[in-house]
Amino acid sequence: MTEQKTWNAFTVERKDHVAQVTLIGPGKGNAMGPDFWSELPEIFRELDTDPDVRAVVIAGSGKNFSFGLDLPAMSGSFGSVLADKAQAGPRTAFHDMIKRMQSGINAVADCRKPVVAAIQGWCIGGGVDLISACDIRYASTDAKFSIREVKVAIVADMGSFARLPAIIGDGHLRELALTGKDIDSGRAEKIGLVNGVFADADAVLAAAHETAAEIAANPPLVVHGIKDVLDHSRAAAVDDSLRYVAAWNAAFLPSQDLTEAITAVFEKRAPEFKGE
């Protein structure tokens, strides 16, 4: 594969009408920091308009897909809205930030080129948001998934709640979102979160590329049409959900529990939530 541009949080390679987008951090476990959120929409806008690309594989480098939001790296973005007596100004800025971050995951979902996720190791929080925006998801046997935002006093706002009901159903989503529990690849396949499970990271990446190649061999404009028609029935509901959760979090996310969650991360201890 030939790499064409340097990114901080990704590598992007293209070969035989298939692009591979690989998460590379720089945070531990490919955690999603400022570079991730700024680069993701740009990358997928480029891939969407590249006539040579007909399908995309998205993967994580190293042992894990993604640990999700890089809370230490992003904590500064929460500062003004967590300040005492934060009112309309900082809350509006925070709302704008949520919308900008959502645009990255939306760019994956809206890409006319089908996106196949190859998941190994941990896929947590924002990682689940990301794979929920993909068209097809494969996992290695060691993959583990968690909608863990509730554990850090956050209502997930990057798209899992909007997209997963159509993928795994309402009951499974509620169980995962309300508990923040971890599930393994077997459970993920059983509930339909992933399409198939493969032996290891190499095997799951190979399977993703095999499917992407099958897609790339089909007439590209018809593939675009299939995605457009399949997405149309849920587009309004997804947009409405994203708008609502962005407004909800701008209003209600700031809390003593969120401050405690961030502090606990830095102090490497379990948080003690009080509902304040």
C-alpha atoms as a PDB file:
ATOM      1  CA  MET A   1       0.000   0.000   0.000  1.00  0.00           C
ATOM      2  CA  THR A   2       1.139   3.563  -0.674  1.00  0.00           C
ATOM      3  CA  GLU A   3       0.689   6.119   2.082  1.00  0.00           C
ATOM      4  CA  GLN A   4      -0.122   9.554   0.715  1.00  0.00           C
ATOM      5  CA  LYS A   5      -0.343  11.969   3.644  1.00  0.00           C
ATOM      6  CA  THR A   6       0.889  12.206   7.203  1.00  0.00           C
ATOM      7  CA  TRP A   7      -1.652  12.416  10.013  1.00  0.00           C
ATOM      8  CA  ASN A   8      -1.117  12.498  13.763  1.00  0.00           C
ATOM      9  CA  ALA A   9      -3.860  10.094  14.853  1.00  0.00           C
ATOM     10  CA  PHE A  10      -4.159   7.917  11.732  1.00  0.00           C
ATOM     11  CA  THR A  11      -2.414   6.365   8.811  1.00  0.00           C
ATOM     12  CA  VAL A  12      -4.298   6.215   5.509  1.00  0.00           C
ATOM     13  CA  GLU A  13      -3.212   3.823   2.778  1.00  0.00           C
ATOM     14  CA  ARG A  14      -4.787   3.065  -0.588  1.00  0.00           C
ATOM     15  CA  LYS A  15      -4.441  -0.013  -2.782  1.00  0.00           C
ATOM     16  CA  ASP A  16      -6.655  -1.684  -5.400  1.00  0.00           C
ATOM     17  CA  HIS A  17      -9.631   0.644  -4.791  1.00  0.00           C
ATOM     18  CA  VAL A  18      -9.577  -0.027  -1.020  1.00  0.00           C
ATOM     19  CA  ALA A  19      -8.356   2.452   1.595  1.00  0.00           C
ATOM     20  CA  GLN A  20      -7.213   1.384   5.042  1.00  0.00           C
ATOM     21  CA  VAL A  21      -7.606   3.926   7.846  1.00  0.00           C
ATOM     22  CA  THR A  22      -5.636   2.877  10.931  1.00  0.00           C
ATOM     23  CA  LEU A  23      -5.937   4.469  14.374  1.00  0.00           C
ATOM     24  CA  ILE A  24      -2.470   5.122  15.806  1.00  0.00           C
ATOM     25  CA  GLY A  25      -3.156   7.164  18.941  1.00  0.00           C
ATOM     26  CA  PRO A  26      -0.998   8.961  19.961  1.00  0.00           C
ATOM     27  CA  GLY A  27      -2.753   8.204  23.254  1.00  0.00           C
ATOM     28  CA  LYS A  28      -2.459   4.746  24.831  1.00  0.00           C
ATOM     29  CA  GLY A  29      -4.700   2.162  23.186  1.00  0.00           C
ATOM     30  CA  ASN A  30      -5.422   4.505  20.254  1.00  0.00           C
ATOM     31  CA  ALA A  31      -7.398   6.732  22.604  1.00  0.00           C
ATOM     32  CA  MET A  32      -9.294   9.534  20.878  1.00  0.00           C
ATOM     33  CA  GLY A  33      -7.674  12.890  21.596  1.00  0.00           C
ATOM     34  CA  PRO A  34      -7.868  16.283  19.854  1.00  0.00           C
ATOM     35  CA  ASP A  35      -6.047  15.083  16.715  1.00  0.00           C
ATOM     36  CA  PHE A  36      -8.473  12.203  16.277  1.00  0.00           C
ATOM     37  CA  TRP A  37     -11.506  14.466  16.348  1.00  0.00           C
ATOM     38  CA  SER A  38     -10.031  17.092  14.021  1.00  0.00           C
ATOM     39  CA  GLU A  39      -8.561  14.658  11.487  1.00  0.00           C
ATOM     40  CA  LEU A  40     -11.346  12.073  11.202  1.00  0.00           C
ATOM     41  CA  PRO A  41     -13.854  14.234   9.277  1.00  0.00           C
ATOM     42  CA  GLU A  42     -11.141  15.511   6.934  1.00  0.00           C
ATOM     43  CA  ILE A  43      -9.933  11.991   6.156  1.00  0.00           C
ATOM     44  CA  PHE A  44     -13.387  10.663   5.376  1.00  0.00           C
ATOM     45  CA  ARG A  45     -14.330  13.694   3.293  1.00  0.00           C
ATOM     46  CA  GLU A  46     -11.230  12.983   1.196  1.00  0.00           C
ATOM     47  CA  LEU A  47     -12.078   9.300   0.854  1.00  0.00           C
ATOM     48  CA  ASP A  48     -15.680  10.113  -0.027  1.00  0.00           C
ATOM     49  CA  THR A  49     -14.567  12.242  -2.972  1.00  0.00           C
ATOM     50  CA  ASP A  50     -11.638  10.067  -4.113  1.00  0.00           C
ATOM     51  CA  PRO A  51     -12.867   8.289  -7.271  1.00  0.00           C
ATOM     52  CA  ASP A  52     -10.194   5.618  -6.898  1.00  0.00           C
ATOM     53  CA  VAL A  53     -11.495   4.504  -3.493  1.00  0.00           C
ATOM     54  CA  ARG A  54     -14.513   2.205  -3.542  1.00  0.00           C
ATOM     55  CA  ALA A  55     -14.404   0.746  -0.005  1.00  0.00           C
ATOM     56  CA  VAL A  56     -12.677   1.504   3.299  1.00  0.00           C
ATOM     57  CA  VAL A  57     -11.276  -0.687   6.072  1.00  0.00           C
ATOM     58  CA  ILE A  58     -10.848   0.913   9.482  1.00  0.00           C
ATOM     59  CA  ALA A  59      -8.602  -0.733  12.082  1.00  0.00           C
ATOM     60  CA  GLY A  60      -6.583  -0.033  15.202  1.00  0.00           C
ATOM     61  CA  SER A  61      -2.818  -0.343  15.532  1.00  0.00           C
ATOM     62  CA  GLY A  62      -1.255  -2.501  18.213  1.00  0.00           C
ATOM     63  CA  LYS A  63      -3.230  -4.815  20.479  1.00  0.00           C
ATOM     64  CA  ASN A  64      -6.428  -2.755  20.711  1.00  0.00           C
ATOM     65  CA  PHE A  65      -8.905  -1.022  18.465  1.00  0.00           C
ATOM     66  CA  SER A  66      -9.486   1.969  20.768  1.00  0.00           C
ATOM     67  CA  PHE A  67      -9.772   2.775  24.460  1.00  0.00           C
ATOM     68  CA  GLY A  68     -12.260   5.502  23.483  1.00  0.00           C
ATOM     69  CA  LEU A  69     -12.137   9.143  24.511  1.00  0.00           C
ATOM     70  CA  ASP A  70      -8.702  10.238  25.711  1.00  0.00           C
ATOM     71  CA  LEU A  71     -10.070  11.835  28.868  1.00  0.00           C
ATOM     72  CA  PRO A  72      -6.744  13.289  30.102  1.00  0.00           C
ATOM     73  CA  ALA A  73      -6.025  14.838  26.689  1.00  0.00           C
ATOM     74  CA  MET A  74      -9.577  16.166  26.335  1.00  0.00           C
ATOM     75  CA  SER A  75     -10.116  17.247  29.941  1.00  0.00           C
ATOM     76  CA  GLY A  76      -9.153  20.844  29.154  1.00  0.00           C
ATOM     77  CA  SER A  77     -12.157  21.045  26.843  1.00  0.00           C
ATOM     78  CA  PHE A  78     -14.405  20.407  29.842  1.00  0.00           C
ATOM     79  CA  GLY A  79     -12.800  23.092  32.016  1.00  0.00           C
ATOM     80  CA  SER A  80     -14.958  26.107  31.229  1.00  0.00           C
ATOM     81  CA  VAL A  81     -18.269  24.260  31.357  1.00  0.00           C
ATOM     82  CA  LEU A  82     -17.323  22.658  34.691  1.00  0.00           C
ATOM     83  CA  ALA A  83     -16.359  25.998  36.221  1.00  0.00           C
ATOM     84  CA  ASP A  84     -18.492  27.464  38.978  1.00  0.00           C
ATOM     85  CA  LYS A  85     -21.565  29.292  37.642  1.00  0.00           C
ATOM     86  CA  ALA A  86     -20.908  28.288  34.033  1.00  0.00           C
ATOM     87  CA  GLN A  87     -23.847  29.700  32.110  1.00  0.00           C
ATOM     88  CA  ALA A  88     -24.838  30.304  28.477  1.00  0.00           C
ATOM     89  CA  GLY A  89     -21.412  31.234  27.079  1.00  0.00           C
ATOM     90  CA  PRO A  90     -19.373  28.176  28.111  1.00  0.00           C
ATOM     91  CA  ARG A  91     -22.349  25.868  27.620  1.00  0.00           C
ATOM     92  CA  THR A  92     -22.787  27.136  24.065  1.00  0.00           C
ATOM     93  CA  ALA A  93     -19.095  26.595  23.379  1.00  0.00           C
ATOM     94  CA  PHE A  94     -19.344  23.099  24.836  1.00  0.00           C
ATOM     95  CA  HIS A  95     -22.392  22.364  22.660  1.00  0.00           C
ATOM     96  CA  ASP A  96     -20.426  23.517  19.606  1.00  0.00           C
ATOM     97  CA  MET A  97     -17.560  21.202  20.561  1.00  0.00           C
ATOM     98  CA  ILE A  98     -19.904  18.216  20.840  1.00  0.00           C
ATOM     99  CA  LYS A  99     -21.312  18.980  17.391  1.00  0.00           C
ATOM    100  CA  ARG A 100     -17.805  19.224  15.925  1.00  0.00           C
ATOM    101  CA  MET A 101     -16.856  15.891  17.451  1.00  0.00           C
ATOM    102  CA  GLN A 102     -20.068  14.312  16.179  1.00  0.00           C
ATOM    103  CA  SER A 103     -19.169  15.480  12.681  1.00  0.00           C
ATOM    104  CA  GLY A 104     -16.198  13.097  12.678  1.00  0.00           C
ATOM    105  CA  ILE A 105     -18.267   9.995  13.408  1.00  0.00           C
ATOM    106  CA  ASN A 106     -20.950  11.281  11.030  1.00  0.00           C
ATOM    107  CA  ALA A 107     -18.342  11.554   8.261  1.00  0.00           C
ATOM    108  CA  VAL A 108     -17.699   7.814   8.610  1.00  0.00           C
ATOM    109  CA  ALA A 109     -21.407   6.999   8.505  1.00  0.00           C
ATOM    110  CA  ASP A 110     -22.079   9.386   5.613  1.00  0.00           C
ATOM    111  CA  CYS A 111     -19.129   8.267   3.478  1.00  0.00           C
ATOM    112  CA  ARG A 112     -20.506   6.908   0.218  1.00  0.00           C
ATOM    113  CA  LYS A 113     -17.779   4.274   0.231  1.00  0.00           C
ATOM    114  CA  PRO A 114     -18.789   1.354   2.483  1.00  0.00           C
ATOM    115  CA  VAL A 115     -16.684   1.077   5.639  1.00  0.00           C
ATOM    116  CA  VAL A 116     -15.664  -2.264   7.155  1.00  0.00           C
ATOM    117  CA  ALA A 117     -14.335  -2.272  10.726  1.00  0.00           C
ATOM    118  CA  ALA A 118     -11.655  -4.758  11.839  1.00  0.00           C
ATOM    119  CA  ILE A 119     -11.674  -4.825  15.648  1.00  0.00           C
ATOM    120  CA  GLN A 120      -9.148  -6.444  17.954  1.00  0.00           C
ATOM    121  CA  GLY A 121      -8.658  -6.089  21.686  1.00  0.00           C
ATOM    122  CA  TRP A 122     -10.544  -3.356  23.485  1.00  0.00           C
ATOM    123  CA  CYS A 123     -13.216  -1.258  21.785  1.00  0.00           C
ATOM    124  CA  ILE A 124     -14.506   1.129  24.434  1.00  0.00           C
ATOM    125  CA  GLY A 125     -16.826   4.138  24.472  1.00  0.00           C
ATOM    126  CA  GLY A 126     -15.953   6.284  21.485  1.00  0.00           C
ATOM    127  CA  GLY A 127     -14.618   3.153  19.803  1.00  0.00           C
ATOM    128  CA  VAL A 128     -18.140   1.729  19.865  1.00  0.00           C
ATOM    129  CA  ASP A 129     -19.465   5.043  18.503  1.00  0.00           C
ATOM    130  CA  LEU A 130     -16.988   4.693  15.642  1.00  0.00           C
ATOM    131  CA  ILE A 131     -17.800   1.097  14.728  1.00  0.00           C
ATOM    132  CA  SER A 132     -21.535   1.811  14.965  1.00  0.00           C
ATOM    133  CA  ALA A 133     -21.024   4.258  12.083  1.00  0.00           C
ATOM    134  CA  CYS A 134     -19.431   1.537   9.939  1.00  0.00           C
ATOM    135  CA  ASP A 135     -21.393  -0.623   7.522  1.00  0.00           C
ATOM    136  CA  ILE A 136     -19.879  -3.975   8.495  1.00  0.00           C
ATOM    137  CA  ARG A 137     -18.020  -4.994  11.653  1.00  0.00           C
ATOM    138  CA  TYR A 138     -15.677  -7.952  12.179  1.00  0.00           C
ATOM    139  CA  ALA A 139     -13.909  -8.871  15.422  1.00  0.00           C
ATOM    140  CA  SER A 140     -11.038 -11.036  16.573  1.00  0.00           C
ATOM    141  CA  THR A 141     -11.677 -13.594  19.305  1.00  0.00           C
ATOM    142  CA  ASP A 142      -9.927 -11.379  21.866  1.00  0.00           C
ATOM    143  CA  ALA A 143     -12.091  -8.334  21.112  1.00  0.00           C
ATOM    144  CA  LYS A 144     -13.994  -6.779  24.015  1.00  0.00           C
ATOM    145  CA  PHE A 145     -16.625  -4.057  23.840  1.00  0.00           C
ATOM    146  CA  SER A 146     -17.993  -1.561  26.350  1.00  0.00           C
ATOM    147  CA  ILE A 147     -20.288   1.466  26.184  1.00  0.00           C
ATOM    148  CA  ARG A 148     -18.433   2.738  29.212  1.00  0.00           C
ATOM    149  CA  GLU A 149     -19.423   6.423  29.250  1.00  0.00           C
ATOM    150  CA  VAL A 150     -21.766   5.866  32.188  1.00  0.00           C
ATOM    151  CA  LYS A 151     -18.721   4.848  34.252  1.00  0.00           C
ATOM    152  CA  VAL A 152     -17.248   8.336  33.778  1.00  0.00           C
ATOM    153  CA  ALA A 153     -20.518  10.248  34.320  1.00  0.00           C
ATOM    154  CA  ILE A 154     -21.120  10.970  30.619  1.00  0.00           C
ATOM    155  CA  VAL A 155     -24.176  10.320  28.461  1.00  0.00           C
ATOM    156  CA  ALA A 156     -22.723   8.843  25.259  1.00  0.00           C
ATOM    157  CA  ASP A 157     -23.185  11.542  22.625  1.00  0.00           C
ATOM    158  CA  MET A 158     -21.170  10.490  19.555  1.00  0.00           C
ATOM    159  CA  GLY A 159     -23.754   8.213  17.946  1.00  0.00           C
ATOM    160  CA  SER A 160     -24.026   4.854  19.718  1.00  0.00           C
ATOM    161  CA  PHE A 161     -27.474   5.679  21.063  1.00  0.00           C
ATOM    162  CA  ALA A 162     -28.574   6.892  17.624  1.00  0.00           C
ATOM    163  CA  ARG A 163     -27.269   3.983  15.547  1.00  0.00           C
ATOM    164  CA  LEU A 164     -27.086   0.876  17.727  1.00  0.00           C
ATOM    165  CA  PRO A 165     -30.868   0.326  18.082  1.00  0.00           C
ATOM    166  CA  ALA A 166     -30.914  -0.614  14.385  1.00  0.00           C
ATOM    167  CA  ILE A 167     -27.880  -2.884  14.869  1.00  0.00           C
ATOM    168  CA  ILE A 168     -28.355  -4.707  18.190  1.00  0.00           C
ATOM    169  CA  GLY A 169     -31.874  -3.708  19.257  1.00  0.00           C
ATOM    170  CA  ASP A 170     -33.144  -1.576  22.095  1.00  0.00           C
ATOM    171  CA  GLY A 171     -32.885  -4.119  24.904  1.00  0.00           C
ATOM    172  CA  HIS A 172     -29.245  -5.021  24.355  1.00  0.00           C
ATOM    173  CA  LEU A 173     -28.344  -1.349  23.952  1.00  0.00           C
ATOM    174  CA  ARG A 174     -30.041  -0.410  27.225  1.00  0.00           C
ATOM    175  CA  GLU A 175     -28.242  -3.198  29.075  1.00  0.00           C
ATOM    176  CA  LEU A 176     -24.832  -2.136  27.780  1.00  0.00           C
ATOM    177  CA  ALA A 177     -25.427   1.614  28.149  1.00  0.00           C
ATOM    178  CA  LEU A 178     -26.912   1.515  31.648  1.00  0.00           C
ATOM    179  CA  THR A 179     -24.382  -0.918  33.150  1.00  0.00           C
ATOM    180  CA  GLY A 180     -21.245   0.046  31.230  1.00  0.00           C
ATOM    181  CA  LYS A 181     -20.414  -3.676  31.307  1.00  0.00           C
ATOM    182  CA  ASP A 182     -17.850  -5.381  29.071  1.00  0.00           C
ATOM    183  CA  ILE A 183     -18.844  -8.036  26.554  1.00  0.00           C
ATOM    184  CA  ASP A 184     -16.623 -10.429  24.623  1.00  0.00           C
ATOM    185  CA  SER A 185     -16.599 -11.167  20.910  1.00  0.00           C
ATOM    186  CA  GLY A 186     -18.930 -14.148  21.315  1.00  0.00           C
ATOM    187  CA  ARG A 187     -21.648 -12.042  22.938  1.00  0.00           C
ATOM    188  CA  ALA A 188     -21.025  -9.256  20.413  1.00  0.00           C
ATOM    189  CA  GLU A 189     -21.619 -11.664  17.541  1.00  0.00           C
ATOM    190  CA  LYS A 190     -24.691 -13.156  19.219  1.00  0.00           C
ATOM    191  CA  ILE A 191     -26.417  -9.767  19.548  1.00  0.00           C
ATOM    192  CA  GLY A 192     -25.391  -8.666  16.061  1.00  0.00           C
ATOM    193  CA  LEU A 193     -22.846  -6.030  17.032  1.00  0.00           C
ATOM    194  CA  VAL A 194     -20.305  -7.793  14.809  1.00  0.00           C
ATOM    195  CA  ASN A 195     -20.911  -9.795  11.632  1.00  0.00           C
ATOM    196  CA  GLY A 196     -18.245 -12.390  12.317  1.00  0.00           C
ATOM    197  CA  VAL A 197     -15.413 -13.391  14.650  1.00  0.00           C
ATOM    198  CA  PHE A 198     -11.936 -14.426  13.496  1.00  0.00           C
ATOM    199  CA  ALA A 199      -8.936 -16.027  15.162  1.00  0.00           C
ATOM    200  CA  ASP A 200      -6.693 -13.012  15.702  1.00  0.00           C
ATOM    201  CA  ALA A 201      -5.863  -9.466  14.593  1.00  0.00           C
ATOM    202  CA  ASP A 202      -4.269 -10.590  11.326  1.00  0.00           C
ATOM    203  CA  ALA A 203      -7.227 -12.802  10.454  1.00  0.00           C
ATOM    204  CA  VAL A 204      -9.829 -10.144  11.175  1.00  0.00           C
ATOM    205  CA  LEU A 205      -7.954  -7.568   9.120  1.00  0.00           C
ATOM    206  CA  ALA A 206      -7.663 -10.044   6.244  1.00  0.00           C
ATOM    207  CA  ALA A 207     -11.396 -10.757   6.436  1.00  0.00           C
ATOM    208  CA  ALA A 208     -12.196  -7.041   6.399  1.00  0.00           C
ATOM    209  CA  HIS A 209     -10.035  -6.539   3.316  1.00  0.00           C
ATOM    210  CA  GLU A 210     -11.618  -9.539   1.600  1.00  0.00           C
ATOM    211  CA  THR A 211     -15.086  -8.073   2.089  1.00  0.00           C
ATOM    212  CA  ALA A 212     -13.910  -4.594   1.072  1.00  0.00           C
ATOM    213  CA  ALA A 213     -12.442  -6.083  -2.117  1.00  0.00           C
ATOM    214  CA  GLU A 214     -15.741  -7.812  -2.886  1.00  0.00           C
ATOM    215  CA  ILE A 215     -17.532  -4.480  -2.486  1.00  0.00           C
ATOM    216  CA  ALA A 216     -14.912  -2.653  -4.574  1.00  0.00           C
ATOM    217  CA  ALA A 217     -15.459  -5.107  -7.436  1.00  0.00           C
ATOM    218  CA  ASN A 218     -19.110  -4.073  -7.738  1.00  0.00           C
ATOM    219  CA  PRO A 219     -20.338  -1.062  -9.768  1.00  0.00           C
ATOM    220  CA  PRO A 220     -19.425   1.919  -7.552  1.00  0.00           C
ATOM    221  CA  LEU A 221     -22.437   4.122  -8.301  1.00  0.00           C
ATOM    222  CA  VAL A 222     -24.799   1.265  -7.493  1.00  0.00           C
ATOM    223  CA  VAL A 223     -22.931   0.682  -4.221  1.00  0.00           C
ATOM    224  CA  HIS A 224     -23.387   4.382  -3.409  1.00  0.00           C
ATOM    225  CA  GLY A 225     -27.082   4.004  -4.180  1.00  0.00           C
ATOM    226  CA  ILE A 226     -27.471   0.977  -1.924  1.00  0.00           C
ATOM    227  CA  LYS A 227     -25.883   2.860   0.991  1.00  0.00           C
ATOM    228  CA  ASP A 228     -28.044   5.906   0.347  1.00  0.00           C
ATOM    229  CA  VAL A 229     -31.278   3.905   0.228  1.00  0.00           C
ATOM    230  CA  LEU A 230     -30.406   1.831   3.309  1.00  0.00           C
ATOM    231  CA  ASP A 231     -29.447   4.952   5.294  1.00  0.00           C
ATOM    232  CA  HIS A 232     -32.447   7.019   4.208  1.00  0.00           C
ATOM    233  CA  SER A 233     -35.039   5.385   6.473  1.00  0.00           C
ATOM    234  CA  ARG A 234     -33.044   6.082   9.634  1.00  0.00           C
ATOM    235  CA  ALA A 235     -31.286   9.329   8.694  1.00  0.00           C
ATOM    236  CA  ALA A 236     -33.855  11.650  10.292  1.00  0.00           C
ATOM    237  CA  ALA A 237     -33.957   9.633  13.527  1.00  0.00           C
ATOM    238  CA  VAL A 238     -30.150   9.573  13.799  1.00  0.00           C
ATOM    239  CA  ASP A 239     -29.916  13.323  13.192  1.00  0.00           C
ATOM    240  CA  ASP A 240     -32.647  14.018  15.754  1.00  0.00           C
ATOM    241  CA  SER A 241     -30.954  11.826  18.373  1.00  0.00           C
ATOM    242  CA  LEU A 242     -27.573  13.504  17.868  1.00  0.00           C
ATOM    243  CA  ARG A 243     -29.070  16.972  18.101  1.00  0.00           C
ATOM    244  CA  TYR A 244     -30.983  16.077  21.261  1.00  0.00           C
ATOM    245  CA  VAL A 245     -28.063  14.499  23.111  1.00  0.00           C
ATOM    246  CA  ALA A 246     -25.787  17.420  22.204  1.00  0.00           C
ATOM    247  CA  ALA A 247     -28.293  19.845  23.732  1.00  0.00           C
ATOM    248  CA  TRP A 248     -28.898  17.563  26.724  1.00  0.00           C
ATOM    249  CA  ASN A 249     -25.203  17.253  27.538  1.00  0.00           C
ATOM    250  CA  ALA A 250     -24.601  20.981  27.137  1.00  0.00           C
ATOM    251  CA  ALA A 251     -27.342  21.520  29.722  1.00  0.00           C
ATOM    252  CA  PHE A 252     -26.833  18.620  32.146  1.00  0.00           C
ATOM    253  CA  LEU A 253     -23.431  16.980  31.673  1.00  0.00           C
ATOM    254  CA  PRO A 254     -21.530  19.378  33.995  1.00  0.00           C
ATOM    255  CA  SER A 255     -21.692  17.802  37.440  1.00  0.00           C
ATOM    256  CA  GLN A 256     -19.678  17.007  40.534  1.00  0.00           C
ATOM    257  CA  ASP A 257     -19.764  13.384  39.390  1.00  0.00           C
ATOM    258  CA  LEU A 258     -18.056  14.290  36.093  1.00  0.00           C
ATOM    259  CA  THR A 259     -15.414  16.266  37.988  1.00  0.00           C
ATOM    260  CA  GLU A 260     -14.944  13.257  40.265  1.00  0.00           C
ATOM    261  CA  ALA A 261     -14.636  10.935  37.252  1.00  0.00           C
ATOM    262  CA  ILE A 262     -11.933  13.083  35.651  1.00  0.00           C
ATOM    263  CA  THR A 263     -10.095  13.474  38.969  1.00  0.00           C
ATOM    264  CA  ALA A 264     -10.228   9.712  39.543  1.00  0.00           C
ATOM    265  CA  VAL A 265      -8.673   9.078  36.129  1.00  0.00           C
ATOM    266  CA  PHE A 266      -5.733  11.362  36.923  1.00  0.00           C
ATOM    267  CA  GLU A 267      -5.360   9.881  40.423  1.00  0.00           C
ATOM    268  CA  LYS A 268      -5.724   6.317  39.099  1.00  0.00           C
ATOM    269  CA  ARG A 269      -8.427   5.316  41.573  1.00  0.00           C
ATOM    270  CA  ALA A 270     -12.060   4.262  41.513  1.00  0.00           C
ATOM    271  CA  PRO A 271     -14.498   7.211  41.434  1.00  0.00           C
ATOM    272  CA  GLU A 272     -17.098   7.759  44.141  1.00  0.00           C
ATOM    273  CA  PHE A 273     -20.294   9.120  42.588  1.00  0.00           C
ATOM    274  CA  LYS A 274     -22.839  11.002  44.700  1.00  0.00           C
ATOM    275  CA  GLY A 275     -25.432  12.123  42.175  1.00  0.00           C
ATOM    276  CA  GLU A 276     -24.393  15.765  42.419  1.00  0.00           C
END
